[in-house]
PDB file of N, CA and C in Angstrom:
ATOM      1  N   MET A   1     -33.241  -1.400  12.056  1.00  0.00           N
ATOM      2  CA  MET A   1     -31.610  -0.911  11.178  1.00  0.00           C
ATOM      3  C   MET A   1     -32.193  -0.594   9.915  1.00  0.00           C
ATOM      4  N   LYS A   2     -31.817   0.713  10.170  1.00  0.00           N
ATOM      5  CA  LYS A   2     -31.653   1.446   8.840  1.00  0.00           C
ATOM      6  C   LYS A   2     -30.930   1.387   7.340  1.00  0.00           C
ATOM      7  N   LEU A   3     -31.224   1.668   6.145  1.00  0.00           N
ATOM      8  CA  LEU A   3     -30.825   1.099   5.116  1.00  0.00           C
ATOM      9  C   LEU A   3     -29.725   1.280   5.370  1.00  0.00           C
ATOM     10  N   ASN A   4     -28.769   0.670   4.780  1.00  0.00           N
ATOM     11  CA  ASN A   4     -27.331   1.028   4.370  1.00  0.00           C
ATOM     12  C   ASN A   4     -26.213   1.257   6.146  1.00  0.00           C
ATOM     13  N   GLU A   5     -27.065   0.691   6.425  1.00  0.00           N
ATOM     14  CA  GLU A   5     -26.542   0.554   8.282  1.00  0.00           C
ATOM     15  C   GLU A   5     -25.801  -1.054   8.393  1.00  0.00           C
ATOM     16  N   MET A   6     -24.607  -0.864   9.148  1.00  0.00           N
ATOM     17  CA  MET A   6     -24.030  -1.983   9.355  1.00  0.00           C
ATOM     18  C   MET A   6     -23.697  -1.911  11.002  1.00  0.00           C
ATOM     19  N   ARG A   7     -24.326  -3.248  11.708  1.00  0.00           N
ATOM     20  CA  ARG A   7     -23.542  -3.351  13.021  1.00  0.00           C
ATOM     21  C   ARG A   7     -22.013  -3.912  12.996  1.00  0.00           C
ATOM     22  N   ASN A   8     -21.918  -3.692  14.482  1.00  0.00           N
ATOM     23  CA  ASN A   8     -19.763  -4.237  14.300  1.00  0.00           C
ATOM     24  C   ASN A   8     -20.074  -5.277  14.509  1.00  0.00           C
ATOM     25  N   MET A   9     -19.490  -6.410  13.551  1.00  0.00           N
ATOM     26  CA  MET A   9     -20.162  -8.054  13.820  1.00  0.00           C
ATOM     27  C   MET A   9     -18.797  -7.956  14.748  1.00  0.00           C
ATOM     28  N   LYS A  10     -19.759  -8.785  15.258  1.00  0.00           N
ATOM     29  CA  LYS A  10     -18.503  -9.783  16.828  1.00  0.00           C
ATOM     30  C   LYS A  10     -18.125 -11.407  16.604  1.00  0.00           C
ATOM     31  N   GLU A  11     -17.490 -11.562  17.201  1.00  0.00           N
ATOM     32  CA  GLU A  11     -16.550 -12.590  17.587  1.00  0.00           C
ATOM     33  C   GLU A  11     -17.727 -13.888  17.657  1.00  0.00           C
ATOM     34  N   PRO A  12     -17.782 -15.050  17.374  1.00  0.00           N
ATOM     35  CA  PRO A  12     -17.231 -15.752  16.169  1.00  0.00           C
ATOM     36  C   PRO A  12     -17.607 -15.892  14.751  1.00  0.00           C
ATOM     37  N   ASN A  13     -18.996 -14.855  14.346  1.00  0.00           N
ATOM     38  CA  ASN A  13     -19.354 -14.598  13.511  1.00  0.00           C
ATOM     39  C   ASN A  13     -18.507 -14.138  12.453  1.00  0.00           C
ATOM     40  N   TYR A  14     -17.482 -13.055  12.767  1.00  0.00           N
ATOM     41  CA  TYR A  14     -16.702 -12.157  12.181  1.00  0.00           C
ATOM     42  C   TYR A  14     -15.287 -13.590  11.955  1.00  0.00           C
ATOM     43  N   SER A  15     -15.011 -14.407  12.559  1.00  0.00           N
ATOM     44  CA  SER A  15     -14.154 -15.236  11.930  1.00  0.00           C
ATOM     45  C   SER A  15     -15.138 -15.785  10.978  1.00  0.00           C
ATOM     46  N   LYS A  16     -16.246 -16.638  10.957  1.00  0.00           N
ATOM     47  CA  LYS A  16     -16.754 -17.490  10.352  1.00  0.00           C
ATOM     48  C   LYS A  16     -16.946 -16.727   8.652  1.00  0.00           C
ATOM     49  N   LEU A  17     -17.031 -15.209   9.023  1.00  0.00           N
ATOM     50  CA  LEU A  17     -17.146 -14.479   7.677  1.00  0.00           C
ATOM     51  C   LEU A  17     -15.526 -14.418   6.996  1.00  0.00           C
ATOM     52  N   ARG A  18     -14.625 -14.402   7.792  1.00  0.00           N
ATOM     53  CA  ARG A  18     -13.286 -14.526   7.492  1.00  0.00           C
ATOM     54  C   ARG A  18     -13.060 -15.961   6.146  1.00  0.00           C
ATOM     55  N   SER A  19     -13.357 -17.254   6.922  1.00  0.00           N
ATOM     56  CA  SER A  19     -13.240 -18.042   6.345  1.00  0.00           C
ATOM     57  C   SER A  19     -14.058 -18.019   4.805  1.00  0.00           C
ATOM     58  N   VAL A  20     -15.223 -17.859   5.271  1.00  0.00           N
ATOM     59  CA  VAL A  20     -15.941 -18.187   3.732  1.00  0.00           C
ATOM     60  C   VAL A  20     -15.324 -16.945   2.949  1.00  0.00           C
ATOM     61  N   LEU A  21     -14.726 -15.562   2.960  1.00  0.00           N
ATOM     62  CA  LEU A  21     -14.143 -14.847   1.921  1.00  0.00           C
ATOM     63  C   LEU A  21     -12.763 -15.796   1.576  1.00  0.00           C
ATOM     64  N   ARG A  22     -12.267 -16.495   2.180  1.00  0.00           N
ATOM     65  CA  ARG A  22     -11.082 -17.122   2.009  1.00  0.00           C
ATOM     66  C   ARG A  22     -11.298 -18.238   0.940  1.00  0.00           C
ATOM     67  N   ASP A  23     -12.306 -18.817   1.224  1.00  0.00           N
ATOM     68  CA  ASP A  23     -12.833 -20.003  -0.077  1.00  0.00           C
ATOM     69  C   ASP A  23     -13.308 -19.976  -0.891  1.00  0.00           C
ATOM     70  N   PRO A  24     -13.186 -19.295  -2.577  1.00  0.00           N
ATOM     71  CA  PRO A  24     -14.160 -19.199  -3.347  1.00  0.00           C
ATOM     72  C   PRO A  24     -15.560 -20.213  -3.599  1.00  0.00           C
ATOM     73  N   ARG A  25     -14.896 -21.262  -3.089  1.00  0.00           N
ATOM     74  CA  ARG A  25     -16.013 -22.244  -3.040  1.00  0.00           C
ATOM     75  C   ARG A  25     -17.373 -22.179  -2.375  1.00  0.00           C
ATOM     76  N   LEU A  26     -17.146 -21.180  -1.375  1.00  0.00           N
ATOM     77  CA  LEU A  26     -18.314 -20.864  -0.731  1.00  0.00           C
ATOM     78  C   LEU A  26     -19.294 -19.632  -0.710  1.00  0.00           C
ATOM     79  N   TYR A  27     -18.647 -18.816  -2.133  1.00  0.00           N
ATOM     80  CA  TYR A  27     -19.271 -17.610  -2.668  1.00  0.00           C
ATOM     81  C   TYR A  27     -20.379 -18.470  -3.252  1.00  0.00           C
ATOM     82  N   GLY A  28     -21.628 -17.546  -2.856  1.00  0.00           N
ATOM     83  CA  GLY A  28     -23.254 -17.353  -3.446  1.00  0.00           C
ATOM     84  C   GLY A  28     -22.807 -17.179  -4.904  1.00  0.00           C
ATOM     85  N   ASP A  29     -22.056 -16.195  -5.089  1.00  0.00           N
ATOM     86  CA  ASP A  29     -22.267 -15.757  -6.655  1.00  0.00           C
ATOM     87  C   ASP A  29     -21.029 -16.484  -7.829  1.00  0.00           C
ATOM     88  N   PRO A  30     -21.358 -17.469  -8.224  1.00  0.00           N
ATOM     89  CA  PRO A  30     -20.613 -17.845  -9.603  1.00  0.00           C
ATOM     90  C   PRO A  30     -20.088 -16.510 -10.276  1.00  0.00           C
ATOM     91  N   ILE A  31     -20.145 -14.963 -10.895  1.00  0.00           N
ATOM     92  CA  ILE A  31     -19.362 -14.849 -11.262  1.00  0.00           C
ATOM     93  C   ILE A  31     -17.881 -14.480 -10.310  1.00  0.00           C
ATOM     94  N   MET A  32     -18.432 -13.998  -8.937  1.00  0.00           N
ATOM     95  CA  MET A  32     -17.575 -13.812  -7.968  1.00  0.00           C
ATOM     96  C   MET A  32     -16.402 -15.165  -8.245  1.00  0.00           C
ATOM     97  N   ARG A  33     -16.890 -16.124  -7.795  1.00  0.00           N
ATOM     98  CA  ARG A  33     -16.523 -17.730  -7.624  1.00  0.00           C
ATOM     99  C   ARG A  33     -15.531 -17.657  -8.597  1.00  0.00           C
ATOM    100  N   VAL A  34     -15.755 -17.222  -9.776  1.00  0.00           N
ATOM    101  CA  VAL A  34     -14.709 -17.650 -11.030  1.00  0.00           C
ATOM    102  C   VAL A  34     -14.063 -16.320 -11.084  1.00  0.00           C
ATOM    103  N   PHE A  35     -14.577 -15.596 -11.057  1.00  0.00           N
ATOM    104  CA  PHE A  35     -13.135 -14.085 -10.968  1.00  0.00           C
ATOM    105  C   PHE A  35     -12.066 -14.277  -9.749  1.00  0.00           C
ATOM    106  N   ALA A  36     -12.542 -14.722  -8.123  1.00  0.00           N
ATOM    107  CA  ALA A  36     -11.261 -15.028  -7.475  1.00  0.00           C
ATOM    108  C   ALA A  36     -10.607 -16.213  -7.731  1.00  0.00           C
ATOM    109  N   GLU A  37     -10.918 -17.294  -8.379  1.00  0.00           N
ATOM    110  CA  GLU A  37     -10.548 -18.573  -9.147  1.00  0.00           C
ATOM    111  C   GLU A  37      -9.507 -18.493 -10.519  1.00  0.00           C
ATOM    112  N   LYS A  38      -9.711 -17.418 -11.254  1.00  0.00           N
ATOM    113  CA  LYS A  38      -9.213 -16.716 -12.099  1.00  0.00           C
ATOM    114  C   LYS A  38      -8.980 -15.814 -12.389  1.00  0.00           C
ATOM    115  N   SER A  39      -8.404 -14.628 -11.536  1.00  0.00           N
ATOM    116  CA  SER A  39      -7.895 -13.068 -11.403  1.00  0.00           C
ATOM    117  C   SER A  39      -7.176 -13.300 -12.575  1.00  0.00           C
ATOM    118  N   ASP A  40      -6.006 -14.126 -12.516  1.00  0.00           N
ATOM    119  CA  ASP A  40      -4.553 -14.353 -13.284  1.00  0.00           C
ATOM    120  C   ASP A  40      -5.288 -13.716 -14.423  1.00  0.00           C
ATOM    121  N   LEU A  41      -5.990 -14.512 -15.138  1.00  0.00           N
ATOM    122  CA  LEU A  41      -6.649 -14.357 -16.823  1.00  0.00           C
ATOM    123  C   LEU A  41      -7.146 -13.015 -16.869  1.00  0.00           C
ATOM    124  N   VAL A  42      -7.333 -11.935 -15.950  1.00  0.00           N
ATOM    125  CA  VAL A  42      -7.308 -10.913 -16.274  1.00  0.00           C
ATOM    126  C   VAL A  42      -6.788  -9.707 -15.494  1.00  0.00           C
ATOM    127  N   GLY A  43      -5.687 -10.572 -15.202  1.00  0.00           N
ATOM    128  CA  GLY A  43      -4.769  -9.225 -15.060  1.00  0.00           C
ATOM    129  C   GLY A  43      -4.290  -9.489 -13.655  1.00  0.00           C
ATOM    130  N   VAL A  44      -5.214  -9.694 -12.897  1.00  0.00           N
ATOM    131  CA  VAL A  44      -5.027  -9.570 -11.768  1.00  0.00           C
ATOM    132  C   VAL A  44      -4.618 -10.460 -10.743  1.00  0.00           C
ATOM    133  N   PRO A  45      -2.954 -10.224 -10.026  1.00  0.00           N
ATOM    134  CA  PRO A  45      -2.958 -11.529  -9.312  1.00  0.00           C
ATOM    135  C   PRO A  45      -4.118 -11.726  -7.961  1.00  0.00           C
ATOM    136  N   ALA A  46      -3.423 -13.218  -7.928  1.00  0.00           N
ATOM    137  CA  ALA A  46      -4.438 -13.612  -6.641  1.00  0.00           C
ATOM    138  C   ALA A  46      -4.529 -12.879  -5.391  1.00  0.00           C
ATOM    139  N   ASN A  47      -2.772 -12.649  -4.850  1.00  0.00           N
ATOM    140  CA  ASN A  47      -3.164 -12.480  -3.781  1.00  0.00           C
ATOM    141  C   ASN A  47      -3.496 -10.595  -4.047  1.00  0.00           C
ATOM    142  N   THR A  48      -3.672  -9.905  -4.737  1.00  0.00           N
ATOM    143  CA  THR A  48      -4.232  -8.538  -5.005  1.00  0.00           C
ATOM    144  C   THR A  48      -5.455  -9.096  -4.630  1.00  0.00           C
ATOM    145  N   TYR A  49      -6.101  -9.528  -5.544  1.00  0.00           N
ATOM    146  CA  TYR A  49      -7.620  -9.587  -5.376  1.00  0.00           C
ATOM    147  C   TYR A  49      -8.159 -10.359  -3.992  1.00  0.00           C
ATOM    148  N   ASN A  50      -7.503 -11.233  -3.684  1.00  0.00           N
ATOM    149  CA  ASN A  50      -7.871 -11.624  -2.015  1.00  0.00           C
ATOM    150  C   ASN A  50      -7.387 -10.250  -0.871  1.00  0.00           C
ATOM    151  N   MET A  51      -6.450  -9.171  -0.848  1.00  0.00           N
ATOM    152  CA  MET A  51      -6.430  -8.203  -0.694  1.00  0.00           C
ATOM    153  C   MET A  51      -7.620  -6.867  -0.581  1.00  0.00           C
ATOM    154  N   VAL A  52      -7.685  -7.158  -1.726  1.00  0.00           N
ATOM    155  CA  VAL A  52      -9.061  -5.884  -1.995  1.00  0.00           C
ATOM    156  C   VAL A  52     -10.131  -6.309  -1.388  1.00  0.00           C
ATOM    157  N   HIS A  53     -10.656  -7.564  -1.979  1.00  0.00           N
ATOM    158  CA  HIS A  53     -11.655  -8.392  -1.321  1.00  0.00           C
ATOM    159  C   HIS A  53     -11.953  -8.191  -0.383  1.00  0.00           C
ATOM    160  N   GLU A  54     -10.866  -8.722   0.507  1.00  0.00           N
ATOM    161  CA  GLU A  54     -11.297  -9.016   2.280  1.00  0.00           C
ATOM    162  C   GLU A  54     -10.970  -7.531   3.173  1.00  0.00           C
ATOM    163  N   GLY A  55     -10.331  -6.682   2.436  1.00  0.00           N
ATOM    164  CA  GLY A  55     -10.642  -5.324   2.689  1.00  0.00           C
ATOM    165  C   GLY A  55     -11.708  -4.965   2.627  1.00  0.00           C
ATOM    166  N   PHE A  56     -12.519  -4.620   1.599  1.00  0.00           N
ATOM    167  CA  PHE A  56     -13.715  -4.294   1.577  1.00  0.00           C
ATOM    168  C   PHE A  56     -14.457  -4.987   2.696  1.00  0.00           C
ATOM    169  N   TRP A  57     -14.468  -6.267   2.866  1.00  0.00           N
ATOM    170  CA  TRP A  57     -15.168  -6.759   4.176  1.00  0.00           C
ATOM    171  C   TRP A  57     -15.173  -6.271   5.463  1.00  0.00           C
ATOM    172  N   ASP A  58     -13.527  -6.169   5.546  1.00  0.00           N
ATOM    173  CA  ASP A  58     -12.983  -5.684   6.756  1.00  0.00           C
ATOM    174  C   ASP A  58     -14.010  -4.163   6.956  1.00  0.00           C
ATOM    175  N   LEU A  59     -13.830  -3.330   5.862  1.00  0.00           N
ATOM    176  CA  LEU A  59     -14.501  -1.937   6.204  1.00  0.00           C
ATOM    177  C   LEU A  59     -15.948  -1.817   6.724  1.00  0.00           C
ATOM    178  N   TYR A  60     -16.645  -2.812   5.527  1.00  0.00           N
ATOM    179  CA  TYR A  60     -17.959  -2.818   5.569  1.00  0.00           C
ATOM    180  C   TYR A  60     -18.059  -3.269   6.855  1.00  0.00           C
ATOM    181  N   CYS A  61     -17.663  -4.242   7.344  1.00  0.00           N
ATOM    182  CA  CYS A  61     -17.768  -5.071   8.877  1.00  0.00           C
ATOM    183  C   CYS A  61     -17.379  -3.875  10.032  1.00  0.00           C
ATOM    184  N   MET A  62     -16.658  -3.058   9.413  1.00  0.00           N
ATOM    185  CA  MET A  62     -16.083  -2.221  10.599  1.00  0.00           C
ATOM    186  C   MET A  62     -15.166  -2.728  11.851  1.00  0.00           C
ATOM    187  N   LYS A  63     -14.235  -3.575  10.391  1.00  0.00           N
ATOM    188  CA  LYS A  63     -12.985  -4.518  11.880  1.00  0.00           C
ATOM    189  C   LYS A  63     -12.364  -4.710  10.575  1.00  0.00           C
ATOM    190  N   PRO A  64     -11.058  -3.301  10.394  1.00  0.00           N
ATOM    191  CA  PRO A  64     -10.497  -3.646   9.941  1.00  0.00           C
ATOM    192  C   PRO A  64      -8.915  -4.305  10.779  1.00  0.00           C
ATOM    193  N   THR A  65      -7.866  -5.060  10.194  1.00  0.00           N
ATOM    194  CA  THR A  65      -6.916  -5.945  10.850  1.00  0.00           C
ATOM    195  C   THR A  65      -6.105  -4.950  10.717  1.00  0.00           C
ATOM    196  N   THR A  66      -5.659  -3.683   9.592  1.00  0.00           N
ATOM    197  CA  THR A  66      -4.590  -2.965  10.235  1.00  0.00           C
ATOM    198  C   THR A  66      -4.815  -2.008  11.669  1.00  0.00           C
ATOM    199  N   PRO A  67      -4.075  -2.157  12.768  1.00  0.00           N
ATOM    200  CA  PRO A  67      -4.980  -1.591  13.785  1.00  0.00           C
ATOM    201  C   PRO A  67      -4.317  -0.011  13.440  1.00  0.00           C
ATOM    202  N   ASP A  68      -3.665   0.469  12.729  1.00  0.00           N
ATOM    203  CA  ASP A  68      -4.050   2.185  12.522  1.00  0.00           C
ATOM    204  C   ASP A  68      -4.993   2.699  11.704  1.00  0.00           C
ATOM    205  N   LEU A  69      -5.636   1.662  11.496  1.00  0.00           N
ATOM    206  CA  LEU A  69      -7.346   2.005  10.569  1.00  0.00           C
ATOM    207  C   LEU A  69      -8.747   1.389  11.357  1.00  0.00           C
ATOM    208  N   SER A  70      -8.985   2.599  11.760  1.00  0.00           N
ATOM    209  CA  SER A  70     -10.492   2.208  12.342  1.00  0.00           C
ATOM    210  C   SER A  70     -12.059   2.464  11.918  1.00  0.00           C
ATOM    211  N   SER A  71     -12.434   2.258  12.535  1.00  0.00           N
ATOM    212  CA  SER A  71     -13.870   2.210  11.536  1.00  0.00           C
ATOM    213  C   SER A  71     -14.509   3.346  11.926  1.00  0.00           C
TER     214      SER A  71
END
């Protein structure tokens, strides 16, 4: 596989990834964990943070949850 190339993620791995993204305790990076848990302190509502963070991974994995958006 070439650098910066991503294969389409298939089930059940995609569902596992989504469950990790929704639980900051499972984040590997402590900075991202704190930002996810305390995003309101920097002026970003928790729902906005989750939408942007999960949306990034949806696009990266070529699995948008919006049917109008294709990879």
